[in-house]
């Protein structure tokens, strides 16, 4: 059994409501508790965590990456808030991370390639429970409308279906047996996408951004 734990829209390290809810220390404890019963745990983050918070206005998200490293995060994709401080700061946060940053539909405007020189990968394949689990990241195509467009002039966001139809066959060729999508997209967008790519055999699509349970 492979257990997937997903975080998304994670804005602070400390608990809220006078310590009653949340906090990354509790997340790390929960992950460790689950891992004792089901050792093959994959902890993923579906975007929006480098900003915004009071602490991030000072540390530009470095405190979030340091804490997520300690919590054992396995991978993250990009939400709109990952671009709040510009590409140079984002590059520094990617270099700081012990986990990969994924986005299959984030491309360089100049040539349409995945911006690997920034440290961005379209997908990753990890071993879990004796199986090869392939995980793809997707970022919202409307990111330039909800982030500072001045920081995104070198980048573009291609169609989700096009990105999946490009990446999934490559992952299968590389041995991926289980395919998961971690996306900074709302539930209605994921429902439509699931119908569009039903033939690709994707096991799970996890999202975020709209801030409601689903």
Protein backbone atom coordinates (compact mmCIF):
# COMPACT_ATOMS: atom_id res chain seq x y z
CA UNK A 1 0.00 0.00 0.00
CA UNK A 2 1.16 3.48 -0.88
CA UNK A 3 -0.22 6.28 1.30
CA UNK A 4 -0.43 9.76 -0.24
CA UNK A 5 -0.62 12.74 2.10
CA UNK A 6 -1.31 16.07 0.42
CA UNK A 7 -0.89 19.61 1.70
CA UNK A 8 -1.89 22.71 -0.21
CA UNK A 9 -2.30 26.45 0.36
CA UNK A 10 -0.01 26.32 3.38
CA UNK A 11 0.69 29.83 4.60
CA UNK A 12 2.32 29.52 7.99
CA UNK A 13 4.44 27.28 10.19
CA UNK A 14 2.67 27.83 13.51
CA UNK A 15 -0.76 26.58 14.61
CA UNK A 16 -3.74 28.95 14.27
CA UNK A 17 -6.72 29.76 16.51
CA UNK A 18 -4.56 30.04 19.64
CA UNK A 19 -2.71 26.84 18.86
CA UNK A 20 -5.79 24.68 18.36
CA UNK A 21 -5.44 23.97 14.63
CA UNK A 22 -2.68 22.99 12.26
CA UNK A 23 1.00 23.72 12.46
CA UNK A 24 3.80 21.98 10.59
CA UNK A 25 5.06 20.24 13.73
CA UNK A 26 1.70 18.45 13.89
CA UNK A 27 1.91 17.61 10.20
CA UNK A 28 5.35 16.05 10.70
CA UNK A 29 4.09 14.09 13.71
CA UNK A 30 1.08 12.84 11.73
CA UNK A 31 3.31 11.76 8.86
CA UNK A 32 5.60 9.83 11.23
CA UNK A 33 2.62 8.19 12.96
CA UNK A 34 1.15 7.02 9.65
CA UNK A 35 4.56 5.80 8.46
CA UNK A 36 4.77 3.42 11.43
CA UNK A 37 1.65 1.62 10.16
CA UNK A 38 2.17 2.16 6.42
CA UNK A 39 5.88 2.79 5.76
CA UNK A 40 5.44 3.84 2.15
CA UNK A 41 4.21 7.39 2.69
CA UNK A 42 4.55 10.10 0.04
CA UNK A 43 4.02 13.65 1.37
CA UNK A 44 3.20 16.14 -1.39
CA UNK A 45 2.37 19.85 -1.54
CA UNK A 46 0.04 21.20 -4.23
CA UNK A 47 1.27 24.78 -4.29
CA UNK A 48 1.01 28.11 -2.45
CA UNK A 49 3.41 27.93 0.46
CA UNK A 50 6.35 30.33 -0.07
CA UNK A 51 4.00 33.26 0.50
CA UNK A 52 1.95 35.05 1.82
CA UNK A 53 2.60 35.35 5.54
CA UNK A 54 4.15 37.93 7.83
CA UNK A 55 7.22 35.72 8.20
CA UNK A 56 7.55 35.30 4.42
CA UNK A 57 7.53 39.07 3.96
CA UNK A 58 10.79 39.04 5.93
CA UNK A 59 12.40 35.71 4.93
CA UNK A 60 10.96 35.38 1.38
CA UNK A 61 9.79 31.82 2.03
CA UNK A 62 13.12 30.40 3.22
CA UNK A 63 11.56 29.52 6.59
CA UNK A 64 8.87 27.47 4.84
CA UNK A 65 11.38 25.45 2.83
CA UNK A 66 13.57 24.81 5.88
CA UNK A 67 10.56 23.57 7.86
CA UNK A 68 9.22 21.44 5.00
CA UNK A 69 12.67 19.89 4.61
CA UNK A 70 12.56 18.93 8.29
CA UNK A 71 8.98 17.63 7.96
CA UNK A 72 10.02 15.21 5.19
CA UNK A 73 8.19 16.72 2.23
CA UNK A 74 8.70 14.56 -0.88
CA UNK A 75 7.73 17.02 -3.63
CA UNK A 76 5.90 20.25 -4.39
CA UNK A 77 4.27 21.91 -7.35
CA UNK A 78 3.84 25.63 -8.02
CA UNK A 79 0.96 27.79 -6.93
CA UNK A 80 0.66 31.45 -7.84
CA UNK A 81 2.29 32.52 -4.55
CA UNK A 82 5.54 30.74 -5.41
CA UNK A 83 6.21 33.63 -7.83
CA UNK A 84 5.59 36.47 -5.36
CA UNK A 85 9.28 37.33 -4.96
CA UNK A 86 10.48 36.86 -8.55
CA UNK A 87 12.47 34.16 -10.31
CA UNK A 88 15.80 34.78 -8.57
CA UNK A 89 14.29 34.22 -5.15
CA UNK A 90 12.37 31.22 -6.48
CA UNK A 91 15.61 29.73 -7.80
CA UNK A 92 17.15 30.18 -4.33
CA UNK A 93 14.18 28.41 -2.70
CA UNK A 94 14.43 25.54 -5.20
CA UNK A 95 18.15 25.20 -4.47
CA UNK A 96 17.41 25.21 -0.75
CA UNK A 97 14.84 22.42 -0.96
CA UNK A 98 15.56 18.73 -0.31
CA UNK A 99 12.54 17.88 -2.48
CA UNK A 100 11.86 18.41 -6.22
CA UNK A 101 9.60 21.13 -7.63
CA UNK A 102 7.30 19.84 -10.37
CA UNK A 103 5.28 21.46 -13.14
CA UNK A 104 4.69 19.74 -16.48
CA UNK A 105 2.84 22.70 -18.02
CA UNK A 106 5.25 25.47 -16.95
CA UNK A 107 7.46 26.36 -19.91
CA UNK A 108 10.01 28.90 -21.09
CA UNK A 109 8.40 31.47 -23.39
CA UNK A 110 11.50 31.53 -25.60
CA UNK A 111 11.39 27.91 -26.79
CA UNK A 112 8.54 26.10 -25.00
CA UNK A 113 10.88 23.87 -23.00
CA UNK A 114 10.53 22.93 -19.33
CA UNK A 115 12.71 25.41 -17.38
CA UNK A 116 15.04 22.77 -15.95
CA UNK A 117 17.80 25.35 -15.46
CA UNK A 118 15.59 26.81 -12.70
CA UNK A 119 15.52 23.36 -11.11
CA UNK A 120 11.98 22.60 -12.29
CA UNK A 121 11.02 19.08 -13.42
CA UNK A 122 7.78 18.04 -15.16
CA UNK A 123 7.49 14.87 -13.06
CA UNK A 124 9.33 12.51 -10.77
CA UNK A 125 9.26 8.73 -10.36
CA UNK A 126 9.71 7.36 -6.85
CA UNK A 127 9.87 3.87 -5.39
CA UNK A 128 7.11 3.09 -2.88
CA UNK A 129 5.83 -0.29 -1.68
CA UNK A 130 7.93 -1.99 -4.34
CA UNK A 131 6.18 -0.03 -7.09
CA UNK A 132 7.31 2.85 -9.28
CA UNK A 133 5.04 5.80 -8.57
CA UNK A 134 5.12 8.62 -11.10
CA UNK A 135 3.94 12.03 -9.93
CA UNK A 136 3.28 14.97 -12.28
CA UNK A 137 2.90 18.61 -11.23
CA UNK A 138 0.51 21.09 -12.86
CA UNK A 139 0.23 24.83 -12.30
CA UNK A 140 -2.78 27.03 -13.06
CA UNK A 141 -2.72 28.49 -16.56
CA UNK A 142 -4.12 31.75 -15.12
CA UNK A 143 -1.16 32.20 -12.77
CA UNK A 144 -0.03 35.38 -14.62
CA UNK A 145 -3.44 36.90 -13.82
CA UNK A 146 -3.21 36.27 -10.07
CA UNK A 147 0.54 36.79 -9.58
CA UNK A 148 2.78 39.72 -10.49
CA UNK A 149 3.02 39.46 -14.31
CA UNK A 150 6.35 41.29 -14.28
CA UNK A 151 7.92 38.20 -12.68
CA UNK A 152 6.51 35.84 -15.32
CA UNK A 153 7.59 37.40 -18.60
CA UNK A 154 10.04 34.53 -19.27
CA UNK A 155 7.45 31.84 -18.59
CA UNK A 156 4.22 30.52 -20.03
CA UNK A 157 1.65 27.95 -18.89
CA UNK A 158 0.46 25.46 -21.50
CA UNK A 159 -2.82 23.52 -21.54
CA UNK A 160 -3.14 20.87 -18.81
CA UNK A 161 -4.28 18.09 -21.13
CA UNK A 162 -1.45 18.76 -23.58
CA UNK A 163 1.09 18.58 -20.75
CA UNK A 164 -0.29 15.29 -19.44
CA UNK A 165 -0.45 13.69 -22.87
CA UNK A 166 3.21 14.59 -23.32
CA UNK A 167 4.41 13.47 -19.89
CA UNK A 168 2.40 10.33 -19.08
CA UNK A 169 3.71 8.22 -22.01
CA UNK A 170 7.26 9.25 -21.09
CA UNK A 171 6.67 8.18 -17.50
CA UNK A 172 5.26 4.83 -18.62
CA UNK A 173 8.36 4.26 -20.75
CA UNK A 174 10.47 4.99 -17.67
CA UNK A 175 8.63 2.29 -15.74
CA UNK A 176 5.99 4.22 -13.80
CA UNK A 177 3.24 1.81 -12.72
CA UNK A 178 1.05 4.28 -10.82
CA UNK A 179 0.48 7.83 -12.10
CA UNK A 180 -0.59 10.66 -9.79
CA UNK A 181 -1.21 14.32 -10.62
CA UNK A 182 -0.58 17.02 -8.01
CA UNK A 183 -2.00 20.31 -9.27
CA UNK A 184 -2.65 23.82 -8.04
CA UNK A 185 -6.14 23.70 -9.54
CA UNK A 186 -9.67 23.85 -8.17
CA UNK A 187 -12.05 20.88 -8.01
CA UNK A 188 -14.15 21.89 -11.02
CA UNK A 189 -11.03 22.20 -13.16
CA UNK A 190 -9.81 18.78 -12.03
CA UNK A 191 -13.18 17.16 -12.69
CA UNK A 192 -13.10 18.37 -16.30
CA UNK A 193 -9.45 17.38 -16.72
CA UNK A 194 -10.14 13.89 -15.35
CA UNK A 195 -12.75 13.38 -18.07
CA UNK A 196 -10.44 14.71 -20.78
CA UNK A 197 -7.58 12.35 -19.87
CA UNK A 198 -9.56 9.32 -18.68
CA UNK A 199 -7.76 7.15 -21.23
CA UNK A 200 -4.35 7.84 -19.63
CA UNK A 201 -5.02 5.69 -16.56
CA UNK A 202 -4.18 8.33 -13.97
CA UNK A 203 -4.93 6.99 -10.49
CA UNK A 204 -5.44 10.27 -8.63
CA UNK A 205 -5.64 14.01 -9.23
CA UNK A 206 -5.10 16.20 -6.18
CA UNK A 207 -5.60 19.95 -6.19
CA UNK A 208 -5.92 23.13 -4.17
CA UNK A 209 -6.14 26.90 -4.70
CA UNK A 210 -9.88 27.37 -4.04
CA UNK A 211 -9.71 26.83 -0.25
CA UNK A 212 -12.58 24.44 0.34
CA UNK A 213 -12.77 20.78 1.31
CA UNK A 214 -13.91 18.38 -1.40
